[in-house]
Amino acid sequence: MENNESINNLIDIYSSEFDYNNSETAIILAAGHGKRIKSQTSKMLHKIWGVPTVERVYSACRRGLNGVNSIVVVGIKAEDVIKVIGNRKNTLFVHQEVQKGTGHAVQVALQNIDKSKYNGIVYVLPGDMGLIDEKTVSRFKSKFLESGADMMVLTGIFDGPSKENNYGRIIRVKDKDAEGNNSGNDAGKVIEILEHKDILDLKEDAPYKVMFGNREYSYTKKELIENNEFNSGVYAFKFDKLMELISELQSNNIQNEIYITDLIGMFNQKGYTVDAISPTLQHVIMGFNNKSVLRQMDAIARNMMYKRVKDIIEIDDPDDFFIDESIIEQIIKHDKNGVPLDIKIGKGAHIGKGVVLNYNLTLGKNVYINGNVNFGKNVNVEQGVHLSCYPDQKFIIGDDVEILWGNIIKGNIIIGKGSRIESSVNMTGSDEYPLRIGKNVTIKGTSYLFGTIVDDDIFIEHSVLINKRVDKLYKKDGMVQKIKFFLPMPEGIDAIEDLD
């Protein structure tokens, strides 16, 4: 169970200085747990294409904004979220002890900025928007600067039945006010965002009325529910205007929460300008509250990755594979050299971060590769093989190596050129006892090797070699001595007896 003291200590360790020379600040809202996700893992740490959603949002902000300060608001599972982001330049963590809404979270974040030293732009993003990317953030920034507005909202267009749209609705000025007068230049301007729960609480027979520019506008409950323009939860503010009004937010709604959306009405009342735009691609503003939507987002990410490399490498099943984003970039970079890669990826294969691919590589069905695994050329890895190492280790596979089905090979390892590791072989190398397999070695049968050095041209079958050195010895006929059925001395014989 987390306590405030331990969280605050961790915040002190991981937070870095706020740079007042930076003109842009991103506030990432990552305090919620997400009860509907039904998991002991924080909603913010659920992964989309192998990366926690809050880390994806953080990275999109860092890349899409120049010289940005980041403030990450944490709450439920705060320590886990802080450790995932880690110690980064110009990044602060703040603790929202009690979750009182998005407006309250921003209030908590802004307490860490000295308003006498800062006069830039503040962006606010939800931490579960795991498909948002650098281009979307950069475009949103550009549109905000071009508009000259004091506040901007990133909106989405809901494509589906209205009853399934649980987002807050964007309320815009109608062409005519409640008295039938033309709205003129005000038509289409953003009046406010009305939360879905508050819309449902309205009476069926009483219109919802709101003022804008000394005019009254009227909306039926049906109109509001069927309005498909929704709030994505992404905002941009001029800092001075935000600081002026943020403390005036109140919790006068059915949820008794402080909504950041109420700032739109407050900005309008002050005569400040509020604008709104939608992204080029709608999926980038998806958030999730349940496992099914999370899976949908992951499927979208997988499809995007597939499209990037589908004409460079062969992927057996576009719906069943994982290639880390950094490896996708590696593949595209290799392709620019103009030499065909001839890489084939089997159904269900997993290629994690740190792997270095090479030419003419075949990875079979359900192969799992993770860590600093470096492939040589012309390597064949068959079905169900597991290859991995720890972050500080290296696993090097030479040219023309074959690794047959089902093998588990892990750790600090070098497999020499032309070697063949047949099925039912497990091998491990540690930092203290690395595993070194020479050139043209064959290992087969039910064999296990740990921390062993094997010379070139050796044949090993049905053997267990732990911390051994296997030298190349020539027999009288000139053939290299084979290693077969080598087993360590047994232990615990006294505890074993024959059954009658």
Protein backbone atom coordinates (compact mmCIF):
# COMPACT_ATOMS: atom_id res chain seq x y z
CA MET A 1 0.00 0.00 0.00
CA GLU A 2 1.47 3.32 -1.03
CA ASN A 3 1.65 6.15 1.48
CA ASN A 4 2.11 9.85 0.92
CA GLU A 5 5.53 9.98 2.54
CA SER A 6 7.04 7.31 0.29
CA ILE A 7 5.41 8.88 -2.78
CA ASN A 8 6.75 12.32 -1.92
CA ASN A 9 10.22 10.87 -1.33
CA LEU A 10 10.10 9.23 -4.75
CA ILE A 11 8.93 12.48 -6.33
CA ASP A 12 11.96 14.25 -4.84
CA ILE A 13 14.26 11.59 -6.28
CA TYR A 14 12.80 11.45 -9.79
CA SER A 15 11.77 15.06 -10.42
CA SER A 16 14.13 17.44 -12.20
CA GLU A 17 14.16 21.22 -12.43
CA PHE A 18 11.52 23.24 -14.25
CA ASP A 19 13.22 25.31 -16.95
CA TYR A 20 11.64 28.76 -17.06
CA ASN A 21 13.40 29.47 -20.34
CA ASN A 22 11.20 26.86 -22.03
CA SER A 23 8.06 28.44 -23.46
CA GLU A 24 5.98 25.25 -23.45
CA THR A 25 4.76 23.02 -20.65
CA ALA A 26 2.87 19.73 -20.97
CA ILE A 27 0.72 18.56 -18.06
CA ILE A 28 -0.01 14.83 -18.30
CA LEU A 29 -2.91 13.60 -16.20
CA ALA A 30 -1.93 10.17 -14.86
CA ALA A 31 -3.55 10.06 -11.42
CA GLY A 32 -6.55 7.85 -12.16
CA HIS A 33 -6.57 4.09 -11.68
CA GLY A 34 -9.44 3.21 -14.00
CA LYS A 35 -11.83 0.93 -12.10
CA ARG A 36 -13.52 -0.29 -15.27
CA ILE A 37 -10.26 -1.72 -16.61
CA LYS A 38 -10.59 -4.30 -13.78
CA SER A 39 -6.90 -4.75 -13.14
CA GLN A 40 -4.50 -4.31 -10.24
CA THR A 41 -2.18 -2.57 -12.70
CA SER A 42 -2.70 1.18 -13.06
CA LYS A 43 -4.67 2.14 -16.15
CA MET A 44 -1.74 4.38 -17.09
CA LEU A 45 0.64 1.41 -17.20
CA HIS A 46 -1.38 -0.80 -19.51
CA LYS A 47 0.62 -1.25 -22.68
CA ILE A 48 -0.14 -0.39 -26.27
CA TRP A 49 2.26 -2.12 -28.63
CA GLY A 50 4.60 -2.94 -25.78
CA VAL A 51 4.82 0.54 -24.23
CA PRO A 52 2.82 1.84 -21.20
CA THR A 53 0.21 4.31 -22.40
CA VAL A 54 1.45 7.13 -20.14
CA GLU A 55 4.96 6.72 -21.54
CA ARG A 56 3.57 6.99 -25.08
CA VAL A 57 1.80 10.26 -24.22
CA TYR A 58 4.94 11.58 -22.53
CA SER A 59 7.10 10.72 -25.56
CA ALA A 60 4.63 12.30 -28.01
CA CYS A 61 4.81 15.55 -26.04
CA ARG A 62 8.60 15.54 -25.83
CA ARG A 63 8.91 15.01 -29.58
CA GLY A 64 6.02 17.17 -30.73
CA LEU A 65 6.90 20.21 -28.62
CA ASN A 66 10.23 22.00 -28.61
CA GLY A 67 12.07 22.52 -25.33
CA VAL A 68 9.10 21.39 -23.26
CA ASN A 69 8.72 21.13 -19.50
CA SER A 70 6.66 18.12 -18.44
CA ILE A 71 4.53 17.84 -15.31
CA VAL A 72 3.13 14.37 -14.67
CA VAL A 73 0.24 14.30 -12.19
CA VAL A 74 0.20 10.97 -10.32
CA GLY A 75 -2.26 9.50 -7.84
CA ILE A 76 -3.34 5.85 -7.73
CA LYS A 77 -0.30 3.56 -8.12
CA ALA A 78 1.82 6.73 -8.11
CA GLU A 79 5.13 5.00 -7.44
CA ASP A 80 4.69 2.61 -10.37
CA VAL A 81 3.87 5.46 -12.76
CA ILE A 82 6.83 7.55 -11.58
CA LYS A 83 9.28 4.68 -12.06
CA VAL A 84 8.02 3.96 -15.59
CA ILE A 85 8.65 7.54 -16.72
CA GLY A 86 11.87 7.70 -14.73
CA ASN A 87 14.23 10.58 -14.15
CA ARG A 88 14.01 12.82 -17.23
CA LYS A 89 15.19 16.31 -18.03
CA ASN A 90 12.75 19.13 -17.16
CA THR A 91 10.20 16.66 -15.81
CA LEU A 92 8.33 17.08 -12.54
CA PHE A 93 6.00 14.69 -10.76
CA VAL A 94 3.19 16.00 -8.57
CA HIS A 95 0.87 14.01 -6.35
CA GLN A 96 -2.90 14.42 -6.53
CA GLU A 97 -3.69 12.75 -3.21
CA VAL A 98 -7.45 12.70 -3.79
CA GLN A 99 -8.83 12.48 -7.32
CA LYS A 100 -11.30 15.37 -7.56
CA GLY A 101 -11.39 15.69 -11.33
CA THR A 102 -9.31 16.97 -14.22
CA GLY A 103 -9.57 20.61 -13.17
CA HIS A 104 -8.26 19.80 -9.72
CA ALA A 105 -5.37 17.81 -11.23
CA VAL A 106 -4.35 20.85 -13.30
CA GLN A 107 -4.64 23.05 -10.21
CA VAL A 108 -2.25 20.73 -8.38
CA ALA A 109 0.19 20.76 -11.31
CA LEU A 110 0.21 24.55 -11.65
CA GLN A 111 1.19 24.96 -8.00
CA ASN A 112 4.68 23.95 -9.10
CA ILE A 113 5.11 26.86 -11.53
CA ASP A 114 6.17 30.29 -10.30
CA LYS A 115 3.86 32.54 -12.30
CA SER A 116 6.21 35.48 -11.87
CA LYS A 117 8.87 33.61 -13.89
CA TYR A 118 6.78 31.92 -16.59
CA ASN A 119 4.66 33.22 -19.45
CA GLY A 120 4.33 30.50 -22.05
CA ILE A 121 1.84 27.89 -23.25
CA VAL A 122 0.40 25.03 -21.23
CA TYR A 123 -0.82 21.82 -22.87
CA VAL A 124 -2.95 19.32 -20.98
CA LEU A 125 -3.22 15.68 -22.08
CA PRO A 126 -4.76 12.54 -20.53
CA GLY A 127 -2.28 9.77 -19.77
CA ASP A 128 -4.39 7.01 -21.35
CA MET A 129 -4.29 8.45 -24.89
CA GLY A 130 -1.74 5.88 -25.99
CA LEU A 131 -2.13 6.33 -29.76
CA ILE A 132 -1.40 10.04 -29.82
CA ASP A 133 1.76 10.77 -31.75
CA GLU A 134 4.37 13.42 -32.36
CA LYS A 135 2.65 14.70 -35.53
CA THR A 136 -0.70 15.21 -33.79
CA VAL A 137 0.88 17.13 -30.90
CA SER A 138 2.98 19.23 -33.27
CA ARG A 139 -0.02 20.05 -35.49
CA PHE A 140 -2.15 20.95 -32.45
CA LYS A 141 0.58 23.32 -31.31
CA SER A 142 0.84 24.93 -34.76
CA LYS A 143 -2.94 25.42 -35.03
CA PHE A 144 -3.06 26.97 -31.58
CA LEU A 145 -0.31 29.45 -32.40
CA GLU A 146 -1.87 30.29 -35.78
CA SER A 147 -5.31 30.86 -34.26
CA GLY A 148 -4.20 33.47 -31.76
CA ALA A 149 -6.75 31.94 -29.36
CA ASP A 150 -6.36 31.96 -25.60
CA MET A 151 -7.54 28.37 -25.32
CA MET A 152 -7.91 25.50 -27.77
CA VAL A 153 -9.60 22.11 -27.48
CA LEU A 154 -8.72 19.05 -29.52
CA THR A 155 -12.04 17.49 -30.47
CA GLY A 156 -13.09 14.20 -32.02
CA ILE A 157 -15.96 13.10 -34.23
CA PHE A 158 -17.71 10.05 -32.79
CA ASP A 159 -18.46 7.41 -35.40
CA GLY A 160 -21.08 5.12 -33.92
CA PRO A 161 -24.43 5.01 -32.11
CA SER A 162 -25.05 8.06 -29.91
CA LYS A 163 -25.91 5.86 -26.93
CA GLU A 164 -22.35 4.52 -26.97
CA ASN A 165 -20.78 8.00 -26.92
CA ASN A 166 -19.83 8.62 -23.29
CA TYR A 167 -17.63 11.62 -24.02
CA GLY A 168 -18.34 15.23 -23.12
CA ARG A 169 -20.05 17.07 -25.99
CA ILE A 170 -18.71 20.20 -27.67
CA ILE A 171 -21.49 22.80 -27.54
CA ARG A 172 -21.16 25.30 -30.39
CA VAL A 173 -23.11 28.45 -31.24
CA LYS A 174 -26.09 27.67 -33.47
CA ASP A 175 -26.87 29.65 -36.62
CA LYS A 176 -29.73 31.26 -34.72
CA ASP A 177 -30.22 32.09 -31.05
CA ALA A 178 -33.21 31.07 -28.92
CA GLU A 179 -35.23 34.04 -30.24
CA GLY A 180 -34.56 33.18 -33.87
CA ASN A 181 -31.99 35.91 -34.53
CA ASN A 182 -28.99 35.15 -36.76
CA SER A 183 -25.81 34.48 -34.81
CA GLY A 184 -23.61 36.15 -37.43
CA ASN A 185 -19.86 35.68 -36.93
CA ASP A 186 -20.45 33.88 -33.64
CA ALA A 187 -21.95 30.85 -35.41
CA GLY A 188 -19.85 27.76 -34.81
CA LYS A 189 -17.86 29.17 -31.90
CA VAL A 190 -17.29 26.91 -28.90
CA ILE A 191 -19.56 27.76 -25.98
CA GLU A 192 -18.70 24.98 -23.56
CA ILE A 193 -18.20 21.25 -23.05
CA LEU A 194 -21.08 19.45 -21.38
CA GLU A 195 -20.18 16.15 -19.74
CA HIS A 196 -22.17 13.09 -20.81
CA LYS A 197 -23.27 12.32 -17.26
CA ASP A 198 -24.64 15.83 -16.86
CA ILE A 199 -26.52 15.55 -20.16
CA LEU A 200 -28.17 12.34 -18.98
CA ASP A 201 -29.23 14.14 -15.80
CA LEU A 202 -31.20 16.74 -17.79
CA LYS A 203 -34.99 16.56 -17.92
CA GLU A 204 -36.49 15.30 -21.16
CA ASP A 205 -38.99 18.15 -21.59
CA ALA A 206 -36.85 21.10 -20.47
CA PRO A 207 -34.39 22.67 -22.97
CA TYR A 208 -30.81 23.25 -21.94
CA LYS A 209 -30.09 26.99 -22.15
CA VAL A 210 -26.72 28.71 -22.23
CA MET A 211 -25.52 32.27 -22.80
CA PHE A 212 -22.90 33.36 -25.32
CA GLY A 213 -22.13 36.97 -26.26
CA ASN A 214 -25.27 38.30 -24.53
CA ARG A 215 -27.43 35.85 -26.46
CA GLU A 216 -29.27 32.80 -25.23
CA TYR A 217 -29.04 29.48 -27.06
CA SER A 218 -31.31 26.52 -26.48
CA TYR A 219 -30.65 22.78 -26.95
CA THR A 220 -32.88 19.79 -26.40
CA LYS A 221 -31.57 16.78 -24.51
CA LYS A 222 -31.93 14.77 -27.73
CA GLU A 223 -29.79 17.30 -29.62
CA LEU A 224 -27.06 17.11 -27.02
CA ILE A 225 -26.99 13.32 -26.95
CA GLU A 226 -26.89 13.10 -30.77
CA ASN A 227 -24.10 15.68 -31.01
CA ASN A 228 -21.15 13.61 -32.28
CA GLU A 229 -18.38 16.17 -31.67
CA PHE A 230 -16.74 15.26 -28.41
CA ASN A 231 -14.00 16.42 -26.11
CA SER A 232 -10.76 14.47 -26.39
CA GLY A 233 -9.35 15.83 -23.14
CA VAL A 234 -6.45 17.62 -24.86
CA TYR A 235 -6.16 21.39 -24.35
CA ALA A 236 -3.83 24.30 -24.97
CA PHE A 237 -3.84 27.48 -22.89
CA LYS A 238 -2.01 30.75 -22.69
CA PHE A 239 -0.47 30.47 -19.26
CA ASP A 240 -1.48 33.88 -17.93
CA LYS A 241 -5.16 33.37 -18.80
CA LEU A 242 -5.13 29.87 -17.34
CA MET A 243 -3.59 31.05 -14.07
CA GLU A 244 -6.14 33.84 -13.83
CA LEU A 245 -9.12 31.50 -13.93
CA ILE A 246 -7.98 28.04 -12.78
CA SER A 247 -8.58 28.76 -9.10
CA GLU A 248 -12.19 29.78 -9.81
CA LEU A 249 -13.20 26.29 -10.94
CA GLN A 250 -15.90 24.76 -8.73
CA SER A 251 -17.41 21.31 -8.28
CA ASN A 252 -21.03 22.24 -8.97
CA ASN A 253 -21.96 19.13 -10.95
CA ILE A 254 -23.55 15.75 -10.34
CA GLN A 255 -20.16 14.09 -9.79
CA ASN A 256 -18.99 16.78 -7.34
CA GLU A 257 -15.75 17.02 -9.31
CA ILE A 258 -13.76 19.96 -10.64
CA TYR A 259 -13.90 19.81 -14.43
CA ILE A 260 -11.27 21.47 -16.58
CA THR A 261 -13.98 21.72 -19.24
CA ASP A 262 -15.69 24.47 -17.22
CA LEU A 263 -12.83 26.77 -18.21
CA ILE A 264 -14.35 27.18 -21.69
CA GLY A 265 -17.41 28.96 -20.33
CA MET A 266 -15.26 31.01 -17.99
CA PHE A 267 -12.93 32.03 -20.83
CA ASN A 268 -15.94 33.08 -22.93
CA GLN A 269 -17.40 35.11 -20.08
CA LYS A 270 -14.11 37.00 -19.80
CA GLY A 271 -14.10 37.68 -23.53
CA TYR A 272 -11.11 35.41 -24.12
CA THR A 273 -11.09 33.43 -27.36
CA VAL A 274 -11.68 29.68 -27.41
CA ASP A 275 -11.08 27.60 -30.53
CA ALA A 276 -11.28 23.90 -31.36
CA ILE A 277 -9.86 21.60 -34.03
CA SER A 278 -9.98 17.89 -34.80
CA PRO A 279 -6.95 15.74 -35.62
CA THR A 280 -6.31 14.42 -39.11
CA LEU A 281 -6.71 10.84 -37.86
CA GLN A 282 -9.41 10.12 -35.30
CA HIS A 283 -7.76 7.09 -33.68
CA VAL A 284 -4.97 9.22 -32.18
CA ILE A 285 -7.32 10.63 -29.54
CA MET A 286 -8.69 7.29 -28.38
CA GLY A 287 -8.60 6.62 -24.67
CA PHE A 288 -9.72 3.47 -22.88
CA ASN A 289 -11.76 2.54 -19.84
CA ASN A 290 -12.03 -1.20 -20.43
CA LYS A 291 -10.05 -4.12 -21.77
CA SER A 292 -11.95 -4.38 -25.06
CA VAL A 293 -11.10 -0.81 -26.11
CA LEU A 294 -7.49 -1.33 -25.01
CA ARG A 295 -7.30 -4.38 -27.31
CA GLN A 296 -8.81 -2.32 -30.10
CA MET A 297 -6.14 0.35 -29.63
CA ASP A 298 -3.41 -2.28 -29.63
CA ALA A 299 -4.83 -3.71 -32.86
CA ILE A 300 -4.73 -0.25 -34.45
CA ALA A 301 -1.09 0.11 -33.40
CA ARG A 302 -0.27 -3.32 -34.84
CA ASN A 303 -1.94 -2.43 -38.14
CA MET A 304 0.06 0.80 -38.35
CA MET A 305 3.30 -1.10 -37.75
CA TYR A 306 2.38 -3.68 -40.37
CA LYS A 307 1.68 -1.02 -42.97
CA ARG A 308 5.10 0.52 -42.39
CA VAL A 309 7.05 -2.65 -43.20
CA LYS A 310 4.68 -4.90 -45.17
CA ASP A 311 6.52 -4.27 -48.45
CA ILE A 312 9.99 -4.54 -46.89
CA ILE A 313 9.78 -7.83 -44.99
CA GLU A 314 7.42 -10.83 -45.04
CA ILE A 315 5.00 -11.19 -42.12
CA ASP A 316 2.99 -14.42 -42.19
CA ASP A 317 0.01 -13.12 -40.19
CA PRO A 318 -0.65 -9.34 -40.06
CA ASP A 319 -2.97 -9.93 -37.08
CA ASP A 320 -0.55 -11.97 -35.00
CA PHE A 321 2.98 -10.62 -34.56
CA PHE A 322 4.94 -8.15 -32.44
CA ILE A 323 7.90 -6.08 -33.59
CA ASP A 324 9.04 -3.35 -31.23
CA GLU A 325 8.75 0.14 -32.67
CA SER A 326 12.51 0.66 -32.50
CA ILE A 327 12.99 -2.48 -34.61
CA ILE A 328 10.45 -1.17 -37.13
CA GLU A 329 12.64 1.92 -37.46
CA GLN A 330 15.69 -0.33 -37.83
CA ILE A 331 14.03 -2.25 -40.68
CA ILE A 332 13.10 0.95 -42.50
CA LYS A 333 16.64 2.29 -42.08
CA HIS A 334 18.12 -0.94 -43.50
CA ASP A 335 15.73 -0.76 -46.45
CA LYS A 336 17.05 2.67 -47.39
CA ASN A 337 20.42 1.06 -48.15
CA GLY A 338 18.80 -0.43 -51.25
CA VAL A 339 19.69 -4.07 -50.51
CA PRO A 340 16.75 -6.51 -50.11
CA LEU A 341 16.50 -7.71 -46.52
CA ASP A 342 14.83 -11.08 -47.17
CA ILE A 343 13.48 -11.22 -43.62
CA LYS A 344 10.56 -13.55 -42.90
CA ILE A 345 8.53 -13.34 -39.70
CA GLY A 346 6.28 -16.25 -38.69
CA LYS A 347 2.83 -16.11 -37.15
CA GLY A 348 2.91 -15.13 -33.47
CA ALA A 349 6.59 -14.11 -33.52
CA HIS A 350 7.74 -11.56 -30.94
CA ILE A 351 10.75 -9.30 -31.59
CA GLY A 352 11.45 -7.08 -28.61
CA LYS A 353 13.53 -4.01 -27.98
CA GLY A 354 17.30 -4.29 -28.42
CA VAL A 355 17.29 -6.96 -31.13
CA VAL A 356 19.52 -6.34 -34.17
CA LEU A 357 18.25 -7.99 -37.35
CA ASN A 358 20.28 -8.92 -40.42
CA TYR A 359 19.91 -10.04 -44.02
CA ASN A 360 18.22 -13.32 -45.01
CA LEU A 361 16.76 -13.98 -41.56
CA THR A 362 13.90 -16.44 -41.06
CA LEU A 363 12.01 -16.50 -37.76
CA GLY A 364 9.45 -19.28 -37.42
CA LYS A 365 6.05 -19.46 -35.79
CA ASN A 366 5.85 -18.24 -32.16
CA VAL A 367 9.55 -17.41 -31.95
CA TYR A 368 10.28 -15.09 -29.00
CA ILE A 369 13.32 -12.79 -29.13
CA ASN A 370 14.07 -10.06 -26.60
CA GLY A 371 17.10 -8.09 -25.45
CA ASN A 372 20.44 -7.42 -27.11
CA VAL A 373 20.25 -10.34 -29.51
CA ASN A 374 22.42 -9.64 -32.58
CA PHE A 375 21.83 -11.75 -35.68
CA GLY A 376 24.38 -12.54 -38.36
CA LYS A 377 23.43 -13.09 -41.99
CA ASN A 378 21.56 -16.15 -43.29
CA VAL A 379 20.20 -17.26 -39.90
CA ASN A 380 17.25 -19.63 -39.56
CA VAL A 381 15.31 -19.85 -36.28
CA GLU A 382 12.52 -22.40 -36.23
CA GLN A 383 9.17 -22.63 -34.47
CA GLY A 384 8.83 -21.92 -30.74
CA VAL A 385 12.44 -20.92 -30.07
CA HIS A 386 13.11 -18.50 -27.19
CA LEU A 387 16.18 -16.25 -27.44
CA SER A 388 16.80 -13.55 -24.82
CA CYS A 389 19.28 -11.84 -22.52
CA TYR A 390 19.33 -9.25 -19.76
CA PRO A 391 19.79 -5.56 -20.68
CA ASP A 392 23.48 -5.52 -19.73
CA GLN A 393 24.26 -8.73 -21.66
CA LYS A 394 24.85 -9.52 -25.33
CA PHE A 395 23.70 -12.52 -27.31
CA ILE A 396 25.55 -12.77 -30.64
CA ILE A 397 24.55 -15.20 -33.39
CA GLY A 398 27.03 -15.63 -36.24
CA ASP A 399 26.35 -16.01 -39.96
CA ASP A 400 24.75 -19.19 -41.34
CA VAL A 401 23.50 -20.41 -37.95
CA GLU A 402 20.49 -22.73 -37.61
CA ILE A 403 18.46 -22.97 -34.39
CA LEU A 404 15.79 -25.65 -34.59
CA TRP A 405 12.37 -25.77 -32.97
CA GLY A 406 11.59 -25.35 -29.29
CA ASN A 407 15.04 -24.41 -27.97
CA ILE A 408 15.44 -22.00 -25.06
CA ILE A 409 18.72 -20.06 -25.21
CA LYS A 410 19.30 -17.19 -22.80
CA GLY A 411 21.99 -14.88 -21.50
CA ASN A 412 25.58 -13.90 -22.28
CA ILE A 413 26.17 -16.02 -25.38
CA ILE A 414 28.09 -16.18 -28.66
CA ILE A 415 27.19 -18.80 -31.27
CA GLY A 416 29.82 -19.07 -33.99
CA LYS A 417 29.37 -19.06 -37.75
CA GLY A 418 27.84 -22.15 -39.34
CA SER A 419 26.73 -23.77 -36.09
CA ARG A 420 23.57 -25.85 -35.83
CA ILE A 421 21.57 -26.06 -32.61
CA GLU A 422 19.04 -28.83 -33.09
CA SER A 423 15.76 -29.26 -31.20
CA SER A 424 15.48 -30.05 -27.46
CA VAL A 425 18.58 -28.03 -26.59
CA ASN A 426 18.63 -25.46 -23.78
CA MET A 427 21.61 -23.17 -23.21
CA THR A 428 22.42 -20.38 -20.74
CA GLY A 429 25.31 -17.99 -20.28
CA SER A 430 25.76 -15.70 -17.28
CA ASP A 431 27.97 -12.69 -16.64
CA GLU A 432 30.32 -14.80 -14.52
CA TYR A 433 30.12 -17.83 -16.80
CA PRO A 434 29.46 -16.80 -20.40
CA LEU A 435 28.57 -19.41 -23.01
CA ARG A 436 30.79 -19.52 -26.10
CA ILE A 437 29.96 -21.82 -29.00
CA GLY A 438 32.61 -22.01 -31.72
CA LYS A 439 32.21 -22.20 -35.49
CA ASN A 440 30.57 -25.17 -37.21
CA VAL A 441 29.42 -26.71 -33.93
CA THR A 442 26.46 -29.11 -33.84
CA ILE A 443 24.48 -29.61 -30.63
CA LYS A 444 21.58 -32.04 -30.64
CA GLY A 445 19.50 -34.37 -28.52
CA THR A 446 18.28 -33.54 -25.04
CA SER A 447 21.24 -31.34 -24.13
CA TYR A 448 21.84 -28.51 -21.68
CA LEU A 449 24.86 -26.20 -21.66
CA PHE A 450 25.61 -23.58 -19.02
CA GLY A 451 28.66 -21.32 -18.87
CA THR A 452 30.62 -23.57 -21.20
CA ILE A 453 33.25 -22.83 -23.87
CA VAL A 454 33.02 -25.06 -26.94
CA ASP A 455 35.78 -25.11 -29.56
CA ASP A 456 35.17 -25.09 -33.33
CA ASP A 457 33.85 -28.15 -35.22
CA ILE A 458 32.57 -29.96 -32.12
CA PHE A 459 29.62 -32.40 -32.18
CA ILE A 460 27.62 -32.65 -28.92
CA GLU A 461 24.69 -35.01 -28.36
CA HIS A 462 22.55 -35.84 -25.30
CA SER A 463 24.92 -34.13 -22.86
CA VAL A 464 24.80 -31.80 -19.88
CA LEU A 465 27.80 -29.45 -19.74
CA ILE A 466 28.03 -27.02 -16.83
CA ASN A 467 31.07 -24.73 -16.56
CA LYS A 468 33.10 -26.90 -18.92
CA ARG A 469 35.60 -26.35 -21.68
CA VAL A 470 35.24 -28.59 -24.73
CA ASP A 471 38.44 -28.75 -26.80
CA LYS A 472 38.79 -29.98 -30.34
CA LEU A 473 40.66 -33.29 -30.12
CA TYR A 474 41.53 -35.35 -33.19
CA LYS A 475 41.24 -39.13 -33.12
CA LYS A 476 43.68 -41.43 -34.87
CA ASP A 477 41.48 -41.46 -37.95
CA GLY A 478 41.72 -37.68 -38.18
CA MET A 479 38.12 -37.09 -37.11
CA VAL A 480 37.22 -34.69 -34.31
CA GLN A 481 36.20 -36.43 -31.09
CA LYS A 482 32.41 -36.30 -30.60
CA ILE A 483 30.83 -35.58 -27.21
CA LYS A 484 27.95 -37.94 -26.42
CA PHE A 485 25.98 -38.79 -23.27
CA PHE A 486 28.16 -36.68 -20.97
CA LEU A 487 26.40 -36.17 -17.64
CA PRO A 488 27.57 -34.63 -14.34
CA MET A 489 27.98 -36.84 -11.30
CA PRO A 490 24.53 -37.47 -9.81
CA GLU A 491 23.54 -36.11 -6.40
CA GLY A 492 20.93 -37.43 -3.99
CA ILE A 493 21.21 -41.10 -4.98
CA ASP A 494 20.44 -42.12 -1.40
CA ALA A 495 16.97 -40.56 -1.73
CA ILE A 496 16.06 -42.67 -4.77
CA GLU A 497 14.91 -46.31 -4.72
CA ASP A 498 13.23 -48.69 -7.13
CA LEU A 499 9.47 -49.20 -7.01
CA ASP A 500 8.30 -52.77 -6.41
